[in-house]
Amino acid sequence: MEDVKTYDIAIIGAGPAGLTAGLYAARAGLKPAIFERLSPGGQLAQTEHLENYPGYNVNTSGFDLAMVMADQAFSFGAQLISEDVTSVEDMGTVKVLRTPFGTYWAKAVVIATGARPKKLGLPREEELTGKGVSYCATCDGNFFRGKDVVVIGGGDTAAADAIYLSRICRKVYLVHRRDTLRATPIYHDRLRELPNLEFCWNSVVTSLLEADGRLSGVQIANAVTKEQRVLDASAVFIAVGMAPNSDGFSSVVPLSPEGYVLTSEGVKTPVRGIFAAGDVRTTPLRQVVTAVADGALAALAAAEYLDELADMEEE
């Protein structure tokens, strides 16, 4: 083994869970490496305003908080490795991590890769992504200032997207397959007060329309009335849930039928020395605050595991 590439803890993912795990591990005197190909922050960095994270108000953006988290973790000694981990192999007291550029070893691993937006699975969805189809209103909404847009979904993300877009777009259609939103009740009154928002209840998008290589609108169908309708729009923002970023881990840890990493006792997987934190694991709530808590617990559990390894080596 190459000592220069052997870490106490390898943390896969630099969202709130991974950054917190790195911070706590580094403060405990361990040598953690955080693997993240993209910039730190994960989904948090794409959040316009934080309203449910203790101590932060609507004037705080997710990006700002993510950068503070990253700076704090790295200031205490966590190392950032800007590579994607494609697979993890359990070799007992050592775990092998492979990336497109090399192989790394670690005594413990924390999987904190988060989740990604689900797609509708419609024809043209892939080819129109970036050409009117988006999964991040705060990232792409400004490109459609003064235009008509569609938001698909009924949860907190869809509601927050619709509110954000209503401030910069001419009209916002909110398409939901049920007749009530799943979003937190606080969003309901805000949405009803928006003068440029139209609800499309009991409806699903059946096709994406295209003109000159860009999205020109969507066709929707009402499940109750069977009515077909075309919504002319320059963009559609899809917010229909998340899928875990667990690709590459199924051979080393068990996954739920939905693809989430199975954990027990909080953040422990059935494999000794491998832990999971944040949105990628089975958990009843996926929020920044729970991801941060998971990161701290994962670092503590990994540190305790490393102490056990050290005791075994001394015997």
Protein backbone atom coordinates (compact mmCIF):
# COMPACT_ATOMS: atom_id res chain seq x y z
CA MET A 1 0.00 0.00 0.00
CA GLU A 2 1.09 3.52 -0.67
CA ASP A 3 1.01 5.35 2.65
CA VAL A 4 0.49 8.69 0.94
CA LYS A 5 -2.85 7.43 -0.36
CA THR A 6 -4.06 5.70 2.79
CA TYR A 7 -6.59 7.67 4.80
CA ASP A 8 -8.24 7.11 8.14
CA ILE A 9 -11.64 7.97 6.66
CA ALA A 10 -12.67 8.36 3.03
CA ILE A 11 -15.82 10.45 2.71
CA ILE A 12 -17.60 10.15 -0.62
CA GLY A 13 -19.55 13.32 -1.35
CA ALA A 14 -19.18 16.95 -0.27
CA GLY A 15 -22.75 17.92 0.55
CA PRO A 16 -23.78 18.91 4.09
CA ALA A 17 -23.39 15.32 5.36
CA GLY A 18 -19.95 14.79 3.83
CA LEU A 19 -18.59 18.19 4.83
CA THR A 20 -19.78 17.76 8.41
CA ALA A 21 -18.27 14.28 8.57
CA GLY A 22 -14.99 15.73 7.33
CA LEU A 23 -15.10 18.55 9.89
CA TYR A 24 -15.78 16.23 12.82
CA ALA A 25 -13.22 13.67 11.69
CA ALA A 26 -10.52 16.29 11.24
CA ARG A 27 -11.27 17.88 14.61
CA ALA A 28 -10.92 14.43 16.16
CA GLY A 29 -7.34 14.28 14.90
CA LEU A 30 -8.04 11.85 12.08
CA LYS A 31 -6.94 12.08 8.46
CA PRO A 32 -10.09 12.38 6.32
CA ALA A 33 -10.31 12.72 2.55
CA ILE A 34 -13.48 14.05 0.93
CA PHE A 35 -14.06 12.86 -2.64
CA GLU A 36 -16.14 15.22 -4.78
CA ARG A 37 -15.76 15.81 -8.51
CA LEU A 38 -17.97 18.90 -8.58
CA SER A 39 -17.86 21.91 -6.28
CA PRO A 40 -18.82 21.30 -2.62
CA GLY A 41 -22.36 21.78 -1.41
CA GLY A 42 -24.47 19.26 -3.29
CA GLN A 43 -28.16 20.14 -3.46
CA LEU A 44 -27.65 22.72 -0.70
CA ALA A 45 -25.62 24.91 -3.06
CA GLN A 46 -28.62 25.05 -5.41
CA THR A 47 -31.06 26.25 -2.75
CA GLU A 48 -32.04 29.89 -3.03
CA HIS A 49 -33.24 30.53 0.54
CA LEU A 50 -33.04 28.54 3.76
CA GLU A 51 -36.10 28.82 5.97
CA ASN A 52 -35.94 25.61 8.01
CA TYR A 53 -32.27 25.43 9.00
CA PRO A 54 -31.89 26.64 12.61
CA GLY A 55 -30.19 30.02 12.93
CA TYR A 56 -30.56 31.03 9.28
CA ASN A 57 -33.29 33.19 7.74
CA VAL A 58 -34.60 33.89 4.26
CA ASN A 59 -31.66 36.15 3.51
CA THR A 60 -29.25 33.22 3.64
CA SER A 61 -28.69 31.22 0.45
CA GLY A 62 -27.82 27.55 0.40
CA PHE A 63 -24.73 28.34 -1.66
CA ASP A 64 -23.41 30.72 1.01
CA LEU A 65 -23.93 28.16 3.77
CA ALA A 66 -22.32 25.39 1.68
CA MET A 67 -19.20 27.49 1.10
CA VAL A 68 -18.92 28.24 4.82
CA MET A 69 -19.25 24.53 5.60
CA ALA A 70 -16.57 23.66 3.05
CA ASP A 71 -14.13 26.33 4.28
CA GLN A 72 -14.60 25.16 7.86
CA ALA A 73 -13.99 21.48 7.08
CA PHE A 74 -10.89 22.19 5.00
CA SER A 75 -9.50 24.68 7.54
CA PHE A 76 -9.34 21.87 10.11
CA GLY A 77 -7.42 19.59 7.76
CA ALA A 78 -9.94 17.64 5.71
CA GLN A 79 -8.48 17.04 2.25
CA LEU A 80 -10.53 17.50 -0.91
CA ILE A 81 -9.91 15.04 -3.74
CA SER A 82 -11.71 16.24 -6.88
CA GLU A 83 -12.52 12.81 -8.27
CA ASP A 84 -15.59 10.58 -8.57
CA VAL A 85 -15.50 7.32 -6.62
CA THR A 86 -16.83 4.69 -9.01
CA SER A 87 -16.58 1.67 -6.70
CA VAL A 88 -15.69 0.60 -3.18
CA GLU A 89 -14.29 -2.79 -2.23
CA ASP A 90 -14.27 -4.19 1.30
CA MET A 91 -10.92 -5.81 2.11
CA GLY A 92 -11.63 -6.22 5.80
CA THR A 93 -9.64 -3.69 7.77
CA VAL A 94 -8.95 -1.73 4.58
CA LYS A 95 -11.38 -0.40 2.00
CA VAL A 96 -10.32 0.18 -1.62
CA LEU A 97 -11.79 3.13 -3.50
CA ARG A 98 -11.44 3.40 -7.25
CA THR A 99 -11.82 6.56 -9.32
CA PRO A 100 -11.27 7.16 -13.04
CA PHE A 101 -7.81 8.49 -12.14
CA GLY A 102 -6.49 6.20 -9.43
CA THR A 103 -6.92 3.88 -6.47
CA TYR A 104 -7.10 4.96 -2.84
CA TRP A 105 -7.16 3.11 0.46
CA ALA A 106 -8.96 3.97 3.66
CA LYS A 107 -9.61 2.30 6.98
CA ALA A 108 -13.21 3.52 7.06
CA VAL A 109 -15.64 4.89 4.48
CA VAL A 110 -18.58 7.26 4.79
CA ILE A 111 -20.96 7.23 1.81
CA ALA A 112 -22.52 10.69 1.60
CA THR A 113 -23.33 11.02 -2.09
CA GLY A 114 -26.84 12.43 -1.62
CA ALA A 115 -29.59 12.14 -4.20
CA ARG A 116 -30.44 13.58 -7.61
CA PRO A 117 -33.70 14.79 -9.15
CA LYS A 118 -35.91 12.16 -10.73
CA LYS A 119 -36.76 12.47 -14.41
CA LEU A 120 -40.16 12.11 -16.02
CA GLY A 121 -38.93 9.57 -18.54
CA LEU A 122 -40.64 11.29 -21.47
CA PRO A 123 -39.44 11.34 -25.08
CA ARG A 124 -37.17 14.34 -25.83
CA GLU A 125 -36.47 14.87 -22.12
CA GLU A 126 -32.76 14.14 -22.45
CA GLU A 127 -32.23 16.10 -25.66
CA LEU A 128 -34.12 19.14 -24.32
CA THR A 129 -32.29 19.21 -20.99
CA GLY A 130 -30.52 22.55 -20.94
CA LYS A 131 -32.78 23.74 -23.76
CA GLY A 132 -35.84 24.47 -21.69
CA VAL A 133 -35.95 21.36 -19.52
CA SER A 134 -34.42 21.91 -16.09
CA TYR A 135 -34.31 20.27 -12.66
CA CYS A 136 -33.10 23.35 -10.79
CA ALA A 137 -35.17 26.54 -10.80
CA THR A 138 -32.65 28.58 -8.86
CA CYS A 139 -29.90 27.52 -11.26
CA ASP A 140 -31.72 28.18 -14.53
CA GLY A 141 -34.77 30.30 -13.76
CA ASN A 142 -33.08 33.59 -14.54
CA PHE A 143 -32.63 32.52 -18.16
CA PHE A 144 -36.41 32.67 -18.53
CA ARG A 145 -37.08 36.02 -16.92
CA GLY A 146 -40.33 37.49 -18.25
CA LYS A 147 -41.35 34.20 -19.91
CA ASP A 148 -44.07 31.64 -19.23
CA VAL A 149 -42.81 28.52 -17.43
CA VAL A 150 -44.13 25.25 -16.01
CA VAL A 151 -43.29 23.60 -12.68
CA ILE A 152 -44.10 19.90 -12.26
CA GLY A 153 -44.55 18.45 -8.77
CA GLY A 154 -46.39 18.91 -5.50
CA GLY A 155 -43.76 18.78 -2.77
CA ASP A 156 -41.70 21.43 -1.01
CA THR A 157 -39.22 21.73 -3.87
CA ALA A 158 -41.94 22.30 -6.46
CA ALA A 159 -43.67 24.85 -4.24
CA ALA A 160 -40.46 26.74 -3.54
CA ASP A 161 -39.58 26.68 -7.25
CA ALA A 162 -42.99 28.09 -8.19
CA ILE A 163 -42.67 30.91 -5.66
CA TYR A 164 -39.17 31.79 -6.83
CA LEU A 165 -40.12 31.71 -10.51
CA SER A 166 -43.26 33.80 -9.94
CA ARG A 167 -41.03 36.73 -9.00
CA ILE A 168 -39.13 36.74 -12.28
CA CYS A 169 -41.40 35.05 -14.85
CA ARG A 170 -44.54 36.34 -16.51
CA LYS A 171 -46.65 33.28 -15.70
CA VAL A 172 -46.07 30.03 -13.81
CA TYR A 173 -48.13 26.87 -14.30
CA LEU A 174 -47.91 24.39 -11.41
CA VAL A 175 -48.81 20.91 -12.63
CA HIS A 176 -49.58 18.28 -9.99
CA ARG A 177 -51.03 14.81 -10.40
CA ARG A 178 -53.26 15.14 -7.31
CA ASP A 179 -55.81 17.74 -6.19
CA THR A 180 -53.78 18.86 -3.16
CA LEU A 181 -50.10 19.55 -2.61
CA ARG A 182 -47.80 17.41 -0.51
CA ALA A 183 -45.78 20.51 0.34
CA THR A 184 -45.50 21.84 3.89
CA PRO A 185 -48.69 23.80 4.75
CA ILE A 186 -46.81 27.12 5.00
CA TYR A 187 -46.37 27.04 1.22
CA HIS A 188 -50.07 26.66 0.42
CA ASP A 189 -51.20 30.17 1.32
CA ARG A 190 -48.16 31.71 -0.35
CA LEU A 191 -48.93 29.96 -3.61
CA ARG A 192 -52.61 30.92 -3.58
CA GLU A 193 -51.64 34.57 -3.16
CA LEU A 194 -49.49 34.63 -6.31
CA PRO A 195 -51.32 36.54 -9.06
CA ASN A 196 -49.35 34.96 -11.91
CA LEU A 197 -49.60 31.31 -10.76
CA GLU A 198 -52.10 28.86 -12.25
CA PHE A 199 -52.69 25.46 -10.65
CA CYS A 200 -53.21 22.49 -12.97
CA TRP A 201 -54.64 19.88 -10.59
CA ASN A 202 -55.01 16.14 -11.22
CA SER A 203 -52.78 16.52 -14.26
CA VAL A 204 -49.69 14.87 -15.68
CA VAL A 205 -47.39 15.91 -18.49
CA THR A 206 -47.81 13.52 -21.40
CA SER A 207 -45.34 15.07 -23.83
CA LEU A 208 -42.72 17.78 -24.21
CA LEU A 209 -43.18 20.03 -27.21
CA GLU A 210 -40.25 21.33 -29.22
CA ALA A 211 -39.65 24.04 -31.77
CA ASP A 212 -36.32 24.99 -33.34
CA GLY A 213 -34.44 22.66 -31.01
CA ARG A 214 -35.86 24.14 -27.79
CA LEU A 215 -38.82 23.45 -25.52
CA SER A 216 -41.92 25.29 -26.70
CA GLY A 217 -44.46 23.90 -24.25
CA VAL A 218 -45.92 20.80 -22.65
CA GLN A 219 -49.04 18.75 -23.21
CA ILE A 220 -50.91 17.75 -20.07
CA ALA A 221 -53.81 15.39 -19.39
CA ASN A 222 -56.33 15.70 -16.58
CA ALA A 223 -56.90 12.30 -14.95
CA VAL A 224 -60.44 13.24 -13.82
CA THR A 225 -61.90 15.06 -16.81
CA LYS A 226 -59.65 13.38 -19.42
CA GLU A 227 -59.11 16.83 -20.92
CA GLN A 228 -55.94 17.33 -22.97
CA ARG A 229 -54.35 20.76 -22.88
CA VAL A 230 -51.22 22.42 -24.26
CA LEU A 231 -49.35 24.88 -22.06
CA ASP A 232 -47.16 27.18 -24.13
CA ALA A 233 -43.96 27.72 -22.13
CA SER A 234 -40.29 28.48 -22.59
CA ALA A 235 -39.17 26.19 -19.79
CA VAL A 236 -40.33 23.31 -17.62
CA PHE A 237 -38.86 22.76 -14.15
CA ILE A 238 -39.21 19.16 -13.00
CA ALA A 239 -39.49 18.59 -9.24
CA VAL A 240 -41.02 15.13 -8.83
CA GLY A 241 -38.74 13.65 -6.22
CA MET A 242 -35.22 12.37 -5.80
CA ALA A 243 -33.24 9.22 -6.60
CA PRO A 244 -30.22 8.20 -4.49
CA ASN A 245 -26.70 8.50 -5.89
CA SER A 246 -25.83 4.96 -4.92
CA ASP A 247 -24.47 3.72 -8.25
CA GLY A 248 -21.32 1.71 -7.69
CA PHE A 249 -22.10 0.71 -4.09
CA SER A 250 -24.48 -2.20 -4.59
CA SER A 251 -21.61 -4.69 -4.60
CA VAL A 252 -20.33 -3.61 -1.19
CA VAL A 253 -23.41 -2.56 0.84
CA PRO A 254 -27.07 -3.60 0.63
CA LEU A 255 -29.53 -1.19 -0.96
CA SER A 256 -33.28 -0.76 -0.51
CA PRO A 257 -35.58 -1.51 -3.48
CA GLU A 258 -35.48 2.25 -4.21
CA GLY A 259 -31.67 2.22 -4.21
CA TYR A 260 -30.99 3.85 -0.84
CA VAL A 261 -28.15 2.51 1.32
CA LEU A 262 -29.63 0.37 4.09
CA THR A 263 -28.53 1.46 7.55
CA SER A 264 -29.24 0.41 11.11
CA GLU A 265 -28.32 2.08 14.39
CA GLY A 266 -28.43 5.41 12.60
CA VAL A 267 -25.60 5.56 10.08
CA LYS A 268 -24.09 2.07 10.24
CA THR A 269 -24.33 -0.25 7.27
CA PRO A 270 -24.14 -4.03 7.75
CA VAL A 271 -20.50 -3.86 6.55
CA ARG A 272 -18.03 -3.04 9.33
CA GLY A 273 -16.16 0.17 8.66
CA ILE A 274 -18.62 1.50 6.07
CA PHE A 275 -21.17 4.13 7.06
CA ALA A 276 -23.78 6.16 5.19
CA ALA A 277 -24.97 9.70 5.90
CA GLY A 278 -27.51 12.11 4.45
CA ASP A 279 -29.98 11.66 1.61
CA VAL A 280 -28.33 8.54 0.19
CA ARG A 281 -29.34 6.37 3.16
CA THR A 282 -32.67 5.03 4.38
CA THR A 283 -34.09 7.76 6.61
CA PRO A 284 -37.56 9.15 7.34
CA LEU A 285 -36.51 12.76 6.66
CA ARG A 286 -34.14 14.28 4.10
CA GLN A 287 -33.26 17.85 5.03
CA VAL A 288 -30.04 19.84 5.49
CA VAL A 289 -30.40 19.60 9.26
CA THR A 290 -30.66 15.79 9.20
CA ALA A 291 -27.77 15.50 6.74
CA VAL A 292 -25.56 17.57 9.04
CA ALA A 293 -26.55 15.42 12.02
CA ASP A 294 -25.82 12.25 10.03
CA GLY A 295 -22.38 13.58 9.11
CA ALA A 296 -21.46 14.16 12.73
CA LEU A 297 -22.76 10.73 13.75
CA ALA A 298 -20.94 9.02 10.90
CA ALA A 299 -17.62 10.64 11.86
CA LEU A 300 -18.14 9.57 15.49
CA ALA A 301 -19.05 6.01 14.48
CA ALA A 302 -16.03 5.82 12.16
CA ALA A 303 -13.72 7.10 14.91
CA GLU A 304 -15.03 4.47 17.31
CA TYR A 305 -14.49 1.81 14.65
CA LEU A 306 -10.89 2.98 14.14
CA ASP A 307 -10.31 2.76 17.89
CA GLU A 308 -11.52 -0.84 17.77
CA LEU A 309 -9.09 -1.58 14.93
CA ALA A 310 -6.23 -0.04 16.90
CA ASP A 311 -7.10 -2.15 19.96
CA MET A 312 -7.14 -5.30 17.82
CA GLU A 313 -3.71 -4.50 16.41
CA GLU A 314 -2.27 -4.07 19.91
CA GLU A 315 -3.52 -7.46 21.10
